[in-house]
PDB file of N, CA and C in Angstrom:
ATOM      1  N   MET A   1       0.841  -1.166   0.000  1.00  0.00           N
ATOM      2  CA  MET A   1       0.000   0.000   0.000  1.00  0.00           C
ATOM      3  C   MET A   1       0.895   1.240   0.000  1.00  0.00           C
ATOM      4  N   SER A   2       0.742   2.095  -1.010  1.00  0.00           N
ATOM      5  CA  SER A   2       1.577   3.281  -1.107  1.00  0.00           C
ATOM      6  C   SER A   2       0.921   4.471  -0.407  1.00  0.00           C
ATOM      7  N   LYS A   3       1.762   5.394   0.018  1.00  0.00           N
ATOM      8  CA  LYS A   3       1.261   6.584   0.697  1.00  0.00           C
ATOM      9  C   LYS A   3       0.697   7.549  -0.338  1.00  0.00           C
ATOM     10  N   GLU A   4      -0.523   8.017  -0.106  1.00  0.00           N
ATOM     11  CA  GLU A   4      -1.144   8.968  -1.018  1.00  0.00           C
ATOM     12  C   GLU A   4      -0.601  10.359  -0.769  1.00  0.00           C
ATOM     13  N   LYS A   5      -0.691  11.202  -1.800  1.00  0.00           N
ATOM     14  CA  LYS A   5      -0.274  12.592  -1.691  1.00  0.00           C
ATOM     15  C   LYS A   5      -1.195  13.306  -0.699  1.00  0.00           C
ATOM     16  N   THR A   6      -0.626  14.152   0.146  1.00  0.00           N
ATOM     17  CA  THR A   6      -1.417  14.911   1.105  1.00  0.00           C
ATOM     18  C   THR A   6      -2.251  15.943   0.366  1.00  0.00           C
ATOM     19  N   ILE A   7      -3.525  16.023   0.709  1.00  0.00           N
ATOM     20  CA  ILE A   7      -4.452  16.951   0.069  1.00  0.00           C
ATOM     21  C   ILE A   7      -4.753  18.058   1.080  1.00  0.00           C
ATOM     22  N   TYR A   8      -4.023  19.174   0.953  1.00  0.00           N
ATOM     23  CA  TYR A   8      -4.218  20.287   1.878  1.00  0.00           C
ATOM     24  C   TYR A   8      -5.497  21.037   1.511  1.00  0.00           C
ATOM     25  N   CYS A   9      -6.275  21.391   2.511  1.00  0.00           N
ATOM     26  CA  CYS A   9      -7.548  22.072   2.260  1.00  0.00           C
ATOM     27  C   CYS A   9      -7.728  23.298   3.131  1.00  0.00           C
ATOM     28  N   GLY A  10      -6.730  23.660   3.922  1.00  0.00           N
ATOM     29  CA  GLY A  10      -6.857  24.834   4.764  1.00  0.00           C
ATOM     30  C   GLY A  10      -5.666  25.023   5.669  1.00  0.00           C
ATOM     31  N   SER A  11      -5.730  26.119   6.425  1.00  0.00           N
ATOM     32  CA  SER A  11      -4.665  26.414   7.381  1.00  0.00           C
ATOM     33  C   SER A  11      -5.236  27.321   8.463  1.00  0.00           C
ATOM     34  N   GLY A  12      -4.446  27.556   9.474  1.00  0.00           N
ATOM     35  CA  GLY A  12      -4.932  28.392  10.563  1.00  0.00           C
ATOM     36  C   GLY A  12      -3.834  28.785  11.513  1.00  0.00           C
ATOM     37  N   LYS A  13      -4.251  29.394  12.612  1.00  0.00           N
ATOM     38  CA  LYS A  13      -3.321  29.827  13.647  1.00  0.00           C
ATOM     39  C   LYS A  13      -3.824  29.367  15.003  1.00  0.00           C
ATOM     40  N   LYS A  14      -2.906  28.906  15.800  1.00  0.00           N
ATOM     41  CA  LYS A  14      -3.217  28.541  17.171  1.00  0.00           C
ATOM     42  C   LYS A  14      -3.355  29.835  17.960  1.00  0.00           C
ATOM     43  N   GLN A  15      -4.539  30.081  18.508  1.00  0.00           N
ATOM     44  CA  GLN A  15      -4.802  31.307  19.244  1.00  0.00           C
ATOM     45  C   GLN A  15      -4.424  31.172  20.722  1.00  0.00           C
ATOM     46  N   SER A  16      -4.616  29.964  21.262  1.00  0.00           N
ATOM     47  CA  SER A  16      -4.253  29.662  22.651  1.00  0.00           C
ATOM     48  C   SER A  16      -4.124  28.145  22.743  1.00  0.00           C
ATOM     49  N   ASP A  17      -3.880  27.630  23.935  1.00  0.00           N
ATOM     50  CA  ASP A  17      -3.721  26.184  24.099  1.00  0.00           C
ATOM     51  C   ASP A  17      -4.978  25.399  23.722  1.00  0.00           C
ATOM     52  N   ASN A  18      -6.144  26.022  23.810  1.00  0.00           N
ATOM     53  CA  ASN A  18      -7.377  25.286  23.518  1.00  0.00           C
ATOM     54  C   ASN A  18      -8.242  25.968  22.460  1.00  0.00           C
ATOM     55  N   TRP A  19      -7.626  26.774  21.588  1.00  0.00           N
ATOM     56  CA  TRP A  19      -8.393  27.445  20.549  1.00  0.00           C
ATOM     57  C   TRP A  19      -7.546  27.584  19.288  1.00  0.00           C
ATOM     58  N   ILE A  20      -8.072  27.061  18.186  1.00  0.00           N
ATOM     59  CA  ILE A  20      -7.442  27.179  16.873  1.00  0.00           C
ATOM     60  C   ILE A  20      -8.426  27.882  15.955  1.00  0.00           C
ATOM     61  N   LYS A  21      -7.953  28.873  15.227  1.00  0.00           N
ATOM     62  CA  LYS A  21      -8.773  29.580  14.239  1.00  0.00           C
ATOM     63  C   LYS A  21      -8.270  29.150  12.864  1.00  0.00           C
ATOM     64  N   ALA A  22      -9.180  28.662  11.988  1.00  0.00           N
ATOM     65  CA  ALA A  22      -8.754  28.123  10.706  1.00  0.00           C
ATOM     66  C   ALA A  22      -9.722  28.487   9.589  1.00  0.00           C
ATOM     67  N   THR A  23      -9.216  28.387   8.356  1.00  0.00           N
ATOM     68  CA  THR A  23     -10.004  28.583   7.146  1.00  0.00           C
ATOM     69  C   THR A  23      -9.867  27.323   6.298  1.00  0.00           C
ATOM     70  N   ILE A  24     -10.995  26.839   5.763  1.00  0.00           N
ATOM     71  CA  ILE A  24     -11.001  25.638   4.938  1.00  0.00           C
ATOM     72  C   ILE A  24     -11.578  25.976   3.571  1.00  0.00           C
ATOM     73  N   LYS A  25     -10.917  25.484   2.491  1.00  0.00           N
ATOM     74  CA  LYS A  25     -11.402  25.692   1.124  1.00  0.00           C
ATOM     75  C   LYS A  25     -12.515  24.675   0.844  1.00  0.00           C
ATOM     76  N   ALA A  26     -13.742  25.138   0.749  1.00  0.00           N
ATOM     77  CA  ALA A  26     -14.897  24.255   0.584  1.00  0.00           C
ATOM     78  C   ALA A  26     -14.843  23.454  -0.712  1.00  0.00           C
ATOM     79  N   ASP A  27     -14.401  24.058  -1.816  1.00  0.00           N
ATOM     80  CA  ASP A  27     -14.396  23.326  -3.082  1.00  0.00           C
ATOM     81  C   ASP A  27     -13.357  22.214  -3.112  1.00  0.00           C
ATOM     82  N   ALA A  28     -12.410  22.201  -2.191  1.00  0.00           N
ATOM     83  CA  ALA A  28     -11.432  21.115  -2.099  1.00  0.00           C
ATOM     84  C   ALA A  28     -12.006  19.893  -1.385  1.00  0.00           C
ATOM     85  N   LEU A  29     -13.191  20.034  -0.780  1.00  0.00           N
ATOM     86  CA  LEU A  29     -13.752  18.982   0.062  1.00  0.00           C
ATOM     87  C   LEU A  29     -14.775  18.085  -0.625  1.00  0.00           C
ATOM     88  N   GLU A  30     -15.450  18.588  -1.634  1.00  0.00           N
ATOM     89  CA  GLU A  30     -16.635  17.941  -2.209  1.00  0.00           C
ATOM     90  C   GLU A  30     -16.481  16.452  -2.491  1.00  0.00           C
ATOM     91  N   LYS A  31     -15.415  16.061  -3.159  1.00  0.00           N
ATOM     92  CA  LYS A  31     -15.314  14.644  -3.552  1.00  0.00           C
ATOM     93  C   LYS A  31     -14.897  13.715  -2.410  1.00  0.00           C
ATOM     94  N   TYR A  32     -14.641  14.260  -1.220  1.00  0.00           N
ATOM     95  CA  TYR A  32     -14.243  13.437  -0.075  1.00  0.00           C
ATOM     96  C   TYR A  32     -15.342  13.302   0.971  1.00  0.00           C
ATOM     97  N   ILE A  33     -16.508  13.842   0.691  1.00  0.00           N
ATOM     98  CA  ILE A  33     -17.630  13.734   1.615  1.00  0.00           C
ATOM     99  C   ILE A  33     -18.147  12.299   1.605  1.00  0.00           C
ATOM    100  N   GLN A  34     -18.407  11.761   2.788  1.00  0.00           N
ATOM    101  CA  GLN A  34     -18.929  10.408   2.934  1.00  0.00           C
ATOM    102  C   GLN A  34     -20.286  10.480   3.608  1.00  0.00           C
ATOM    103  N   GLU A  35     -21.145   9.509   3.326  1.00  0.00           N
ATOM    104  CA  GLU A  35     -22.468   9.466   3.949  1.00  0.00           C
ATOM    105  C   GLU A  35     -22.587   8.256   4.854  1.00  0.00           C
ATOM    106  N   PHE A  36     -23.304   8.466   5.955  1.00  0.00           N
ATOM    107  CA  PHE A  36     -23.600   7.387   6.892  1.00  0.00           C
ATOM    108  C   PHE A  36     -24.964   7.666   7.484  1.00  0.00           C
ATOM    109  N   LYS A  37     -25.899   6.776   7.227  1.00  0.00           N
ATOM    110  CA  LYS A  37     -27.271   6.886   7.737  1.00  0.00           C
ATOM    111  C   LYS A  37     -27.890   8.253   7.444  1.00  0.00           C
ATOM    112  N   GLY A  38     -27.703   8.730   6.205  1.00  0.00           N
ATOM    113  CA  GLY A  38     -28.318   9.969   5.766  1.00  0.00           C
ATOM    114  C   GLY A  38     -27.607  11.240   6.185  1.00  0.00           C
ATOM    115  N   HIS A  39     -26.480  11.127   6.885  1.00  0.00           N
ATOM    116  CA  HIS A  39     -25.717  12.303   7.311  1.00  0.00           C
ATOM    117  C   HIS A  39     -24.397  12.342   6.556  1.00  0.00           C
ATOM    118  N   LYS A  40     -23.935  13.536   6.231  1.00  0.00           N
ATOM    119  CA  LYS A  40     -22.679  13.702   5.507  1.00  0.00           C
ATOM    120  C   LYS A  40     -21.554  14.030   6.474  1.00  0.00           C
ATOM    121  N   PHE A  41     -20.395  13.431   6.226  1.00  0.00           N
ATOM    122  CA  PHE A  41     -19.222  13.594   7.079  1.00  0.00           C
ATOM    123  C   PHE A  41     -17.998  13.841   6.228  1.00  0.00           C
ATOM    124  N   LEU A  42     -17.028  14.503   6.808  1.00  0.00           N
ATOM    125  CA  LEU A  42     -15.749  14.737   6.164  1.00  0.00           C
ATOM    126  C   LEU A  42     -14.659  14.436   7.179  1.00  0.00           C
ATOM    127  N   LYS A  43     -13.748  13.533   6.824  1.00  0.00           N
ATOM    128  CA  LYS A  43     -12.641  13.198   7.713  1.00  0.00           C
ATOM    129  C   LYS A  43     -11.459  14.108   7.370  1.00  0.00           C
ATOM    130  N   ILE A  44     -10.960  14.821   8.365  1.00  0.00           N
ATOM    131  CA  ILE A  44      -9.821  15.713   8.148  1.00  0.00           C
ATOM    132  C   ILE A  44      -8.746  15.459   9.201  1.00  0.00           C
ATOM    133  N   ASN A  45      -7.545  15.870   8.869  1.00  0.00           N
ATOM    134  CA  ASN A  45      -6.417  15.843   9.794  1.00  0.00           C
ATOM    135  C   ASN A  45      -6.066  17.284  10.133  1.00  0.00           C
ATOM    136  N   ILE A  46      -5.916  17.594  11.409  1.00  0.00           N
ATOM    137  CA  ILE A  46      -5.511  18.923  11.848  1.00  0.00           C
ATOM    138  C   ILE A  46      -4.191  18.765  12.588  1.00  0.00           C
ATOM    139  N   ASN A  47      -3.156  19.420  12.068  1.00  0.00           N
ATOM    140  CA  ASN A  47      -1.816  19.294  12.645  1.00  0.00           C
ATOM    141  C   ASN A  47      -1.299  20.652  13.074  1.00  0.00           C
ATOM    142  N   ILE A  48      -0.703  20.707  14.255  1.00  0.00           N
ATOM    143  CA  ILE A  48      -0.053  21.919  14.726  1.00  0.00           C
ATOM    144  C   ILE A  48       1.419  21.817  14.339  1.00  0.00           C
ATOM    145  N   LYS A  49       1.875  22.793  13.573  1.00  0.00           N
ATOM    146  CA  LYS A  49       3.251  22.799  13.076  1.00  0.00           C
ATOM    147  C   LYS A  49       4.226  23.198  14.180  1.00  0.00           C
ATOM    148  N   ASP A  50       5.480  22.773  14.026  1.00  0.00           N
ATOM    149  CA  ASP A  50       6.531  23.165  14.967  1.00  0.00           C
ATOM    150  C   ASP A  50       6.841  24.652  14.858  1.00  0.00           C
ATOM    151  N   GLN A  51       6.755  25.181  13.617  1.00  0.00           N
ATOM    152  CA  GLN A  51       7.035  26.591  13.374  1.00  0.00           C
ATOM    153  C   GLN A  51       5.996  27.155  12.420  1.00  0.00           C
ATOM    154  N   ALA A  52       5.682  28.422  12.569  1.00  0.00           N
ATOM    155  CA  ALA A  52       4.743  29.086  11.663  1.00  0.00           C
ATOM    156  C   ALA A  52       5.406  29.289  10.300  1.00  0.00           C
ATOM    157  N   ASP A  53       4.582  29.300   9.242  1.00  0.00           N
ATOM    158  CA  ASP A  53       5.088  29.569   7.898  1.00  0.00           C
ATOM    159  C   ASP A  53       5.263  31.079   7.691  1.00  0.00           C
ATOM    160  N   GLU A  54       5.564  31.486   6.458  1.00  0.00           N
ATOM    161  CA  GLU A  54       5.821  32.907   6.183  1.00  0.00           C
ATOM    162  C   GLU A  54       4.597  33.798   6.385  1.00  0.00           C
ATOM    163  N   TYR A  55       3.391  33.189   6.484  1.00  0.00           N
ATOM    164  CA  TYR A  55       2.158  33.942   6.715  1.00  0.00           C
ATOM    165  C   TYR A  55       1.705  33.883   8.182  1.00  0.00           C
ATOM    166  N   GLY A  56       2.520  33.276   9.032  1.00  0.00           N
ATOM    167  CA  GLY A  56       2.174  33.158  10.443  1.00  0.00           C
ATOM    168  C   GLY A  56       1.265  31.986  10.762  1.00  0.00           C
ATOM    169  N   LYS A  57       0.988  31.131   9.773  1.00  0.00           N
ATOM    170  CA  LYS A  57       0.105  29.982   9.974  1.00  0.00           C
ATOM    171  C   LYS A  57       0.884  28.848  10.632  1.00  0.00           C
ATOM    172  N   ASP A  58       0.384  28.371  11.762  1.00  0.00           N
ATOM    173  CA  ASP A  58       1.041  27.268  12.460  1.00  0.00           C
ATOM    174  C   ASP A  58       0.143  26.049  12.596  1.00  0.00           C
ATOM    175  N   VAL A  59      -0.961  26.039  11.828  1.00  0.00           N
ATOM    176  CA  VAL A  59      -1.892  24.910  11.792  1.00  0.00           C
ATOM    177  C   VAL A  59      -2.081  24.493  10.347  1.00  0.00           C
ATOM    178  N   SER A  60      -2.021  23.207  10.086  1.00  0.00           N
ATOM    179  CA  SER A  60      -2.210  22.653   8.745  1.00  0.00           C
ATOM    180  C   SER A  60      -3.431  21.736   8.766  1.00  0.00           C
ATOM    181  N   ILE A  61      -4.296  21.858   7.753  1.00  0.00           N
ATOM    182  CA  ILE A  61      -5.492  21.016   7.661  1.00  0.00           C
ATOM    183  C   ILE A  61      -5.447  20.270   6.343  1.00  0.00           C
ATOM    184  N   SER A  62      -5.649  18.947   6.403  1.00  0.00           N
ATOM    185  CA  SER A  62      -5.648  18.135   5.189  1.00  0.00           C
ATOM    186  C   SER A  62      -6.777  17.110   5.253  1.00  0.00           C
ATOM    187  N   ILE A  63      -7.134  16.594   4.087  1.00  0.00           N
ATOM    188  CA  ILE A  63      -8.172  15.574   3.971  1.00  0.00           C
ATOM    189  C   ILE A  63      -7.603  14.245   4.447  1.00  0.00           C
ATOM    190  N   ASP A  64      -8.351  13.522   5.266  1.00  0.00           N
ATOM    191  CA  ASP A  64      -7.981  12.152   5.635  1.00  0.00           C
ATOM    192  C   ASP A  64      -8.541  11.267   4.522  1.00  0.00           C
ATOM    193  N   SER A  65      -7.713  10.971   3.527  1.00  0.00           N
ATOM    194  CA  SER A  65      -8.175  10.247   2.343  1.00  0.00           C
ATOM    195  C   SER A  65      -7.904   8.751   2.413  1.00  0.00           C
ATOM    196  N   TRP A  66      -7.488   8.238   3.572  1.00  0.00           N
ATOM    197  CA  TRP A  66      -7.220   6.815   3.692  1.00  0.00           C
ATOM    198  C   TRP A  66      -8.493   6.026   3.451  1.00  0.00           C
ATOM    199  N   LYS A  67      -8.386   5.009   2.631  1.00  0.00           N
ATOM    200  CA  LYS A  67      -9.510   4.115   2.345  1.00  0.00           C
ATOM    201  C   LYS A  67      -9.005   2.681   2.455  1.00  0.00           C
ATOM    202  N   PRO A  68      -9.831   1.781   2.952  1.00  0.00           N
ATOM    203  CA  PRO A  68      -9.430   0.376   2.956  1.00  0.00           C
ATOM    204  C   PRO A  68      -9.218  -0.101   1.515  1.00  0.00           C
ATOM    205  N   ASP A  69      -8.397  -1.107   1.314  1.00  0.00           N
ATOM    206  CA  ASP A  69      -8.162  -1.642  -0.026  1.00  0.00           C
ATOM    207  C   ASP A  69      -9.477  -1.993  -0.703  1.00  0.00           C
ATOM    208  N   GLY A  70      -9.590  -1.651  -1.981  1.00  0.00           N
ATOM    209  CA  GLY A  70     -10.766  -2.008  -2.760  1.00  0.00           C
ATOM    210  C   GLY A  70     -11.897  -1.003  -2.701  1.00  0.00           C
ATOM    211  N   VAL A  71     -11.731   0.105  -1.996  1.00  0.00           N
ATOM    212  CA  VAL A  71     -12.782   1.120  -1.918  1.00  0.00           C
ATOM    213  C   VAL A  71     -12.387   2.280  -2.812  1.00  0.00           C
ATOM    214  N   SER A  72     -13.264   2.663  -3.717  1.00  0.00           N
ATOM    215  CA  SER A  72     -12.940   3.753  -4.630  1.00  0.00           C
ATOM    216  C   SER A  72     -13.134   5.107  -3.960  1.00  0.00           C
ATOM    217  N   PRO A  73     -12.365   6.131  -4.384  1.00  0.00           N
ATOM    218  CA  PRO A  73     -12.522   7.456  -3.798  1.00  0.00           C
ATOM    219  C   PRO A  73     -13.819   8.119  -4.237  1.00  0.00           C
ATOM    220  N   GLY A  74     -14.172   9.198  -3.575  1.00  0.00           N
ATOM    221  CA  GLY A  74     -15.376   9.935  -3.917  1.00  0.00           C
ATOM    222  C   GLY A  74     -16.441   9.752  -2.863  1.00  0.00           C
ATOM    223  N   ILE A  75     -17.639  10.221  -3.155  1.00  0.00           N
ATOM    224  CA  ILE A  75     -18.751  10.101  -2.217  1.00  0.00           C
ATOM    225  C   ILE A  75     -19.127   8.642  -2.103  1.00  0.00           C
ATOM    226  N   GLN A  76     -19.277   8.174  -0.873  1.00  0.00           N
ATOM    227  CA  GLN A  76     -19.573   6.773  -0.620  1.00  0.00           C
ATOM    228  C   GLN A  76     -20.783   6.659   0.280  1.00  0.00           C
ATOM    229  N   GLU A  77     -21.546   5.629   0.052  1.00  0.00           N
ATOM    230  CA  GLU A  77     -22.644   5.319   0.970  1.00  0.00           C
ATOM    231  C   GLU A  77     -22.122   4.247   1.903  1.00  0.00           C
ATOM    232  N   MET A  78     -21.953   4.587   3.162  1.00  0.00           N
ATOM    233  CA  MET A  78     -21.435   3.640   4.131  1.00  0.00           C
ATOM    234  C   MET A  78     -22.584   2.775   4.640  1.00  0.00           C
ATOM    235  N   LYS A  79     -22.413   1.481   4.614  1.00  0.00           N
ATOM    236  CA  LYS A  79     -23.447   0.539   5.045  1.00  0.00           C
ATOM    237  C   LYS A  79     -23.256   0.199   6.511  1.00  0.00           C
ATOM    238  N   ALA A  80     -24.336   0.106   7.241  1.00  0.00           N
ATOM    239  CA  ALA A  80     -24.271  -0.284   8.655  1.00  0.00           C
ATOM    240  C   ALA A  80     -25.603  -0.878   9.064  1.00  0.00           C
ATOM    241  N   THR A  81     -25.569  -1.618  10.148  1.00  0.00           N
ATOM    242  CA  THR A  81     -26.806  -2.197  10.641  1.00  0.00           C
ATOM    243  C   THR A  81     -27.613  -1.143  11.374  1.00  0.00           C
ATOM    244  N   GLU A  82     -28.907  -1.347  11.506  1.00  0.00           N
ATOM    245  CA  GLU A  82     -29.764  -0.387  12.195  1.00  0.00           C
ATOM    246  C   GLU A  82     -29.431  -0.266  13.660  1.00  0.00           C
ATOM    247  N   GLU A  83     -28.885  -1.315  14.288  1.00  0.00           N
ATOM    248  CA  GLU A  83     -28.571  -1.274  15.698  1.00  0.00           C
ATOM    249  C   GLU A  83     -27.356  -0.398  15.989  1.00  0.00           C
ATOM    250  N   SER A  84     -26.447  -0.284  15.055  1.00  0.00           N
ATOM    251  CA  SER A  84     -25.202   0.455  15.281  1.00  0.00           C
ATOM    252  C   SER A  84     -25.404   1.958  15.074  1.00  0.00           C
ATOM    253  N   THR A  85     -24.898   2.753  16.022  1.00  0.00           N
ATOM    254  CA  THR A  85     -24.890   4.190  15.861  1.00  0.00           C
ATOM    255  C   THR A  85     -23.483   4.720  15.729  1.00  0.00           C
ATOM    256  N   ASP A  86     -22.478   3.825  15.790  1.00  0.00           N
ATOM    257  CA  ASP A  86     -21.083   4.215  15.638  1.00  0.00           C
ATOM    258  C   ASP A  86     -20.787   4.495  14.177  1.00  0.00           C
ATOM    259  N   LEU A  87     -19.948   5.496  13.933  1.00  0.00           N
ATOM    260  CA  LEU A  87     -19.498   5.771  12.578  1.00  0.00           C
ATOM    261  C   LEU A  87     -18.542   4.685  12.156  1.00  0.00           C
ATOM    262  N   PRO A  88     -18.595   4.217  10.905  1.00  0.00           N
ATOM    263  CA  PRO A  88     -17.728   3.142  10.451  1.00  0.00           C
ATOM    264  C   PRO A  88     -16.333   3.615  10.037  1.00  0.00           C
ATOM    265  N   PHE A  89     -16.007   4.853  10.274  1.00  0.00           N
ATOM    266  CA  PHE A  89     -14.701   5.368   9.861  1.00  0.00           C
ATOM    267  C   PHE A  89     -14.089   6.190  10.948  1.00  0.00           C
TER     268      PHE A  89
END
């Protein structure tokens, strides 16, 4: 299994120990939206950088695009039993 290219979709700044302010590019997200029991979800990774970039951004946001083998990318209908309320991802 090869590592996929990181898909950056936003950035931000750490305002305090428990507050991050960020901006996300909405059009970068569309094909990664997943559905589960009629609700739409987006898996993202939020990383705090060791150092701020030239714009003062010290937070990086990327799409969590990991998929199990054999699952195609894009919008997916996630199957689950009626008894389960846990997200399958």
